[in-house]
Amino acid sequence: MTLDGRTRFITVIGIGSGDPDQLTLAAVKAMRETDVFLVLDKGRQKSSLVRLRRDMLDAHVTGPYRVVEAEDPWRDRSQDGSTGYREAVHDWRRRRADVCEQLIRDELAPGERGAFLVWGDPSLYDSTLAVLEDITARGNLAVDYRVVPGISSVSALAARHRIGLNRVGRPVHITPGRRLSDTLAALGNDDGDVVVMLDAQESFQHLSGEGTWIYWGAYIGTPDEILVSGPLSEVADEIRRVRAEARATHGWIMDTYLLRPRPHDDGPANPGQIVI
C-alpha cells in the first residue's frame, strides 16, 4: 500500500492462536510498520486477550506506536434457529462496523497506518474482513486494507497433537459446532475428517463415538493450553469436565477439535493423551 495523504490504511494481521512465537515474519514486519493498533475490548473476563496482544507488541515492535481500545458491541447469543442466528450475527457485525468506523475516523489520521490484530487467521470464522467491507461500502471514509495471514487454531491443533489434518485421498471439512449434526448427516459414515470450531454446546457429546477419535484443544498456544485426545467414547466425559473447569477459572474458553472416524484399514491412531 502506498500512502497518499488522504486514505486511512488498515492491515488485518493474523497473530496465531496465542503463542508470540507463532507470529510470521510477515506479521512482525506489518506490526513494525503500524502507527496505531485498533483493539476491540471484550470486557474484563477476556482482558487476557488484550494483554496477550500487548505482550506480542512489546516483544516484536521496536518503534513508536499507539494502542487504542473501544468496547466490542454486545452480541445476542440466545438465537437457536439458523435464520435467527444469522440475523443476530449480521446485526452484531453492523454495530461492530459502527464502532470500528468511528475508531478509524477518530484515532487514525489520513495517511497513517492502522492495524487489527486478529486471533488465528483472519479468513477463518472471524468478522474483521466483513466489518471492513461494510465500512468501505458506506463510503464515509477513504479506507484501504490488506490482509496478512496467520497460523489458525486448526493448524496449531494439528501441530500440538502431531497429526495431519487429512488422511490419504480424503477431504477435510470445517464446520461450526452448531452445524456438526447436519455436516455429519450430509457426509455419511466416513467421508473424511471434520474440524469443529465455535462449539459452545459441546456437540461432540451427542455423537455415539463408536470408532471415532477426537483431538481436542483449548487455549492453544497460550500458557493455559489443554489437550485431550483418544476414542470419543472414552474421553468425551473428560473433555466436558476439563472444559467446564477451565471456563469457570478463566470466564471464557476458545477450543477446537478434530473428529476422525477410524476405519479398520487406516492404521493405528496416535496414542490418546491428556495434557493440562
Protein backbone atom coordinates (compact mmCIF):
# COMPACT_ATOMS: atom_id res chain seq x y z
CA MET A 1 0.00 0.00 0.00
CA THR A 2 1.24 3.48 -0.88
CA LEU A 3 0.43 6.35 1.45
CA ASP A 4 -1.42 9.12 -0.39
CA GLY A 5 -2.13 11.59 2.43
CA ARG A 6 -5.88 11.06 2.18
CA THR A 7 -6.62 7.40 2.66
CA ARG A 8 -6.54 5.63 6.01
CA PHE A 9 -4.69 2.34 5.65
CA ILE A 10 -5.52 -0.77 7.66
CA THR A 11 -3.63 -4.05 7.91
CA VAL A 12 -5.51 -7.06 9.22
CA ILE A 13 -2.80 -9.16 10.83
CA GLY A 14 -3.28 -12.80 11.76
CA ILE A 15 -1.38 -13.37 15.01
CA GLY A 16 -1.86 -17.09 15.61
CA SER A 17 -3.66 -18.72 18.49
CA GLY A 18 -1.75 -17.13 21.35
CA ASP A 19 1.93 -18.04 21.25
CA PRO A 20 4.06 -14.97 20.36
CA ASP A 21 6.45 -17.34 18.58
CA GLN A 22 3.66 -18.22 16.12
CA LEU A 23 3.85 -14.76 14.54
CA THR A 24 5.10 -14.97 10.97
CA LEU A 25 7.89 -12.75 9.67
CA ALA A 26 5.28 -11.00 7.52
CA ALA A 27 3.16 -10.32 10.61
CA VAL A 28 6.11 -8.88 12.53
CA LYS A 29 7.05 -6.67 9.57
CA ALA A 30 3.47 -5.40 9.28
CA MET A 31 3.32 -4.70 13.02
CA ARG A 32 6.53 -2.68 12.85
CA GLU A 33 5.06 -0.58 10.02
CA THR A 34 1.92 0.25 12.04
CA ASP A 35 1.25 3.60 13.69
CA VAL A 36 -1.95 2.74 15.56
CA PHE A 37 -3.23 -0.65 16.74
CA LEU A 38 -7.03 -0.79 17.00
CA VAL A 39 -8.41 -3.15 19.64
CA LEU A 40 -11.99 -4.09 20.48
CA ASP A 41 -12.15 -4.84 24.19
CA LYS A 42 -14.40 -7.78 25.07
CA GLY A 43 -14.66 -6.88 28.75
CA ARG A 44 -12.99 -7.84 32.00
CA GLN A 45 -13.44 -11.59 31.59
CA LYS A 46 -11.46 -11.60 28.34
CA SER A 47 -8.94 -8.94 29.34
CA SER A 48 -6.21 -11.57 28.98
CA LEU A 49 -6.76 -11.46 25.20
CA VAL A 50 -5.84 -7.77 25.17
CA ARG A 51 -2.87 -8.49 27.41
CA LEU A 52 -1.61 -11.19 25.03
CA ARG A 53 -1.77 -8.71 22.15
CA ARG A 54 0.19 -6.14 24.14
CA ASP A 55 2.77 -8.79 25.04
CA MET A 56 3.26 -9.51 21.34
CA LEU A 57 3.73 -5.81 20.62
CA ASP A 58 6.23 -5.48 23.44
CA ALA A 59 8.15 -8.49 22.15
CA HIS A 60 8.30 -7.55 18.47
CA VAL A 61 7.69 -3.83 17.85
CA THR A 62 10.65 -1.55 18.43
CA GLY A 63 9.40 1.82 17.13
CA PRO A 64 6.73 4.17 18.49
CA TYR A 65 3.09 3.14 18.25
CA ARG A 66 -0.26 3.72 19.92
CA VAL A 67 -2.87 1.22 21.09
CA VAL A 68 -6.46 2.46 21.18
CA GLU A 69 -9.34 0.42 22.52
CA ALA A 70 -13.11 0.52 22.12
CA GLU A 71 -15.79 -1.63 23.66
CA ASP A 72 -16.91 -4.53 21.49
CA PRO A 73 -20.71 -4.40 20.97
CA TRP A 74 -22.83 -6.91 22.84
CA ARG A 75 -23.94 -9.88 20.74
CA ASP A 76 -27.20 -11.81 21.15
CA ARG A 77 -26.20 -15.47 21.56
CA SER A 78 -29.66 -16.72 22.54
CA GLN A 79 -30.86 -17.40 18.98
CA ASP A 80 -31.04 -21.11 18.17
CA GLY A 81 -32.65 -21.23 14.74
CA SER A 82 -30.42 -20.75 11.71
CA THR A 83 -32.35 -17.69 10.49
CA GLY A 84 -32.37 -16.02 13.90
CA TYR A 85 -28.70 -16.82 14.37
CA ARG A 86 -27.70 -15.27 11.03
CA GLU A 87 -29.76 -12.17 11.73
CA ALA A 88 -28.14 -11.81 15.16
CA VAL A 89 -24.66 -12.12 13.66
CA HIS A 90 -25.39 -9.62 10.87
CA ASP A 91 -26.82 -7.16 13.42
CA TRP A 92 -23.73 -7.55 15.61
CA ARG A 93 -21.42 -7.02 12.64
CA ARG A 94 -23.27 -3.84 11.63
CA ARG A 95 -22.89 -2.44 15.14
CA ARG A 96 -19.27 -3.56 15.18
CA ALA A 97 -18.73 -1.69 11.91
CA ASP A 98 -20.21 1.44 13.53
CA VAL A 99 -17.69 1.21 16.36
CA CYS A 100 -14.74 0.47 14.06
CA GLU A 101 -15.66 3.24 11.64
CA GLN A 102 -15.67 5.77 14.46
CA LEU A 103 -12.43 4.33 15.84
CA ILE A 104 -10.71 4.66 12.46
CA ARG A 105 -12.07 8.18 11.92
CA ASP A 106 -11.12 9.47 15.37
CA GLU A 107 -7.83 7.68 16.01
CA LEU A 108 -6.23 7.21 12.59
CA ALA A 109 -5.26 10.29 10.60
CA PRO A 110 -5.34 10.20 6.79
CA GLY A 111 -2.05 8.76 5.59
CA GLU A 112 -1.44 6.80 8.79
CA ARG A 113 -1.27 3.04 9.05
CA GLY A 114 -3.56 1.22 11.45
CA ALA A 115 -3.89 -2.49 12.22
CA PHE A 116 -6.26 -5.02 13.74
CA LEU A 117 -4.54 -7.98 15.39
CA VAL A 118 -6.75 -11.00 14.68
CA TRP A 119 -6.53 -14.31 16.51
CA GLY A 120 -5.57 -17.22 14.29
CA ASP A 121 -6.14 -16.46 10.62
CA PRO A 122 -8.45 -13.60 9.51
CA SER A 123 -10.04 -15.77 6.82
CA LEU A 124 -11.44 -18.40 9.18
CA TYR A 125 -14.50 -17.60 11.35
CA ASP A 126 -13.54 -14.01 12.05
CA SER A 127 -15.63 -10.91 11.36
CA THR A 128 -12.91 -8.29 10.79
CA LEU A 129 -12.87 -8.56 6.99
CA ALA A 130 -16.66 -8.39 6.79
CA VAL A 131 -16.64 -5.32 9.05
CA LEU A 132 -14.07 -3.55 6.85
CA GLU A 133 -16.05 -4.44 3.73
CA ASP A 134 -19.09 -2.81 5.34
CA ILE A 135 -17.12 0.33 6.25
CA THR A 136 -15.65 0.76 2.77
CA ALA A 137 -19.07 0.17 1.17
CA ARG A 138 -20.59 3.00 3.22
CA GLY A 139 -18.23 5.48 1.59
CA ASN A 140 -17.92 7.75 4.63
CA LEU A 141 -14.16 7.24 4.89
CA ALA A 142 -11.42 6.60 2.36
CA VAL A 143 -10.15 3.26 3.68
CA ASP A 144 -7.85 0.72 2.07
CA TYR A 145 -6.77 -2.53 3.70
CA ARG A 146 -4.68 -5.63 3.21
CA VAL A 147 -4.54 -8.98 4.97
CA VAL A 148 -1.57 -10.81 6.49
CA PRO A 149 -2.47 -14.47 7.07
CA GLY A 150 -1.80 -16.13 10.41
CA ILE A 151 -1.46 -19.61 11.89
CA SER A 152 -5.02 -20.74 12.57
CA SER A 153 -6.15 -22.64 15.64
CA VAL A 154 -6.84 -25.53 13.25
CA SER A 155 -3.20 -25.71 12.16
CA ALA A 156 -2.00 -25.24 15.72
CA LEU A 157 -4.31 -28.01 16.95
CA ALA A 158 -2.90 -30.49 14.43
CA ALA A 159 0.67 -29.49 15.27
CA ARG A 160 0.18 -29.86 19.02
CA HIS A 161 -1.39 -33.33 18.55
CA ARG A 162 1.28 -34.28 15.97
CA ILE A 163 -1.26 -35.31 13.36
CA GLY A 164 -2.10 -34.40 9.78
CA LEU A 165 -5.49 -32.81 9.19
CA ASN A 166 -6.17 -35.06 6.22
CA ARG A 167 -5.70 -38.74 5.53
CA VAL A 168 -4.59 -40.19 2.20
CA GLY A 169 -7.01 -39.21 -0.57
CA ARG A 170 -9.65 -37.91 1.85
CA PRO A 171 -11.13 -34.45 2.37
CA VAL A 172 -11.21 -32.32 5.50
CA HIS A 173 -14.37 -30.48 6.48
CA ILE A 174 -14.53 -27.42 8.76
CA THR A 175 -17.80 -26.57 10.50
CA PRO A 176 -19.06 -24.55 13.45
CA GLY A 177 -20.36 -26.69 16.30
CA ARG A 178 -23.96 -25.65 15.71
CA ARG A 179 -23.81 -27.32 12.27
CA LEU A 180 -21.99 -30.50 13.29
CA SER A 181 -25.02 -32.82 13.17
CA ASP A 182 -26.05 -31.52 9.74
CA THR A 183 -22.49 -31.85 8.47
CA LEU A 184 -22.12 -35.45 9.63
CA ALA A 185 -25.53 -36.38 8.23
CA ALA A 186 -24.56 -34.95 4.85
CA LEU A 187 -21.19 -36.69 4.83
CA GLY A 188 -22.44 -40.15 5.71
CA ASN A 189 -20.43 -42.60 7.74
CA ASP A 190 -16.90 -41.87 6.57
CA ASP A 191 -16.21 -39.15 4.01
CA GLY A 192 -13.20 -37.51 5.60
CA ASP A 193 -12.45 -35.86 8.90
CA VAL A 194 -14.30 -32.94 10.49
CA VAL A 195 -12.76 -29.96 12.27
CA VAL A 196 -15.19 -28.28 14.66
CA MET A 197 -14.91 -24.69 15.84
CA LEU A 198 -17.07 -22.36 17.94
CA ASP A 199 -18.76 -25.24 19.75
CA ALA A 200 -20.25 -23.71 22.88
CA GLN A 201 -22.83 -26.52 23.01
CA GLU A 202 -20.26 -29.36 23.19
CA SER A 203 -21.90 -31.03 20.21
CA PHE A 204 -19.50 -33.98 20.32
CA GLN A 205 -21.33 -35.34 23.38
CA HIS A 206 -24.36 -36.16 21.23
CA LEU A 207 -22.40 -38.49 18.94
CA SER A 208 -22.25 -42.20 19.51
CA GLY A 209 -18.48 -42.06 19.28
CA GLU A 210 -18.19 -45.66 18.13
CA GLY A 211 -14.90 -45.98 16.27
CA THR A 212 -14.31 -42.21 16.24
CA TRP A 213 -11.29 -40.44 17.67
CA ILE A 214 -11.28 -36.86 18.90
CA TYR A 215 -8.32 -34.49 19.06
CA TRP A 216 -9.38 -31.56 21.25
CA GLY A 217 -7.54 -28.44 22.38
CA ALA A 218 -8.35 -25.26 24.29
CA TYR A 219 -6.34 -22.03 24.71
CA ILE A 220 -3.92 -23.48 22.16
CA GLY A 221 -0.59 -21.69 22.12
CA THR A 222 -1.09 -20.00 25.49
CA PRO A 223 0.24 -20.90 28.95
CA ASP A 224 -3.26 -22.24 29.77
CA GLU A 225 -3.28 -24.74 26.89
CA ILE A 226 -5.20 -28.02 27.43
CA LEU A 227 -5.03 -31.01 25.08
CA VAL A 228 -7.08 -34.21 25.15
CA SER A 229 -7.21 -36.96 22.55
CA GLY A 230 -8.44 -40.53 22.29
CA PRO A 231 -11.50 -42.58 21.38
CA LEU A 232 -14.50 -40.29 21.67
CA SER A 233 -16.44 -42.83 23.70
CA GLU A 234 -13.65 -42.89 26.31
CA VAL A 235 -12.63 -39.22 26.59
CA ALA A 236 -15.86 -37.26 25.94
CA ASP A 237 -16.68 -37.01 29.65
CA GLU A 238 -13.12 -35.95 30.46
CA ILE A 239 -13.28 -33.19 27.85
CA ARG A 240 -16.56 -31.94 29.28
CA ARG A 241 -15.06 -31.93 32.79
CA VAL A 242 -11.83 -30.07 31.97
CA ARG A 243 -13.73 -27.70 29.68
CA ALA A 244 -16.16 -26.75 32.45
CA GLU A 245 -13.33 -26.27 34.94
CA ALA A 246 -11.35 -24.12 32.52
CA ARG A 247 -14.34 -21.96 31.67
CA ALA A 248 -15.09 -21.44 35.36
CA THR A 249 -11.47 -20.49 36.01
CA HIS A 250 -10.96 -18.10 33.11
CA GLY A 251 -14.53 -16.89 32.42
CA TRP A 252 -14.24 -17.84 28.74
CA ILE A 253 -12.92 -20.61 26.54
CA MET A 254 -11.71 -20.97 22.96
CA ASP A 255 -11.45 -24.58 21.82
CA THR A 256 -11.20 -26.53 18.58
CA TYR A 257 -11.27 -30.22 17.81
CA LEU A 258 -10.92 -32.79 15.03
CA LEU A 259 -13.21 -35.80 14.70
CA ARG A 260 -11.64 -38.73 12.87
CA PRO A 261 -13.51 -41.94 12.02
CA ARG A 262 -11.23 -44.95 12.46
CA PRO A 263 -11.83 -47.50 9.68
CA HIS A 264 -10.02 -50.79 10.21
CA ASP A 265 -7.68 -50.32 7.24
CA ASP A 266 -6.41 -46.92 8.30
CA GLY A 267 -3.65 -47.96 10.67
CA PRO A 268 -3.16 -47.07 14.35
CA ALA A 269 -4.12 -43.69 15.72
CA ASN A 270 -1.79 -41.51 17.77
CA PRO A 271 -1.97 -42.59 21.41
CA GLY A 272 -4.53 -40.73 23.47
CA GLN A 273 -3.16 -38.01 25.66
CA ILE A 274 -4.31 -35.62 28.34
CA VAL A 275 -2.14 -32.56 28.93
CA ILE A 276 -3.22 -29.89 31.40
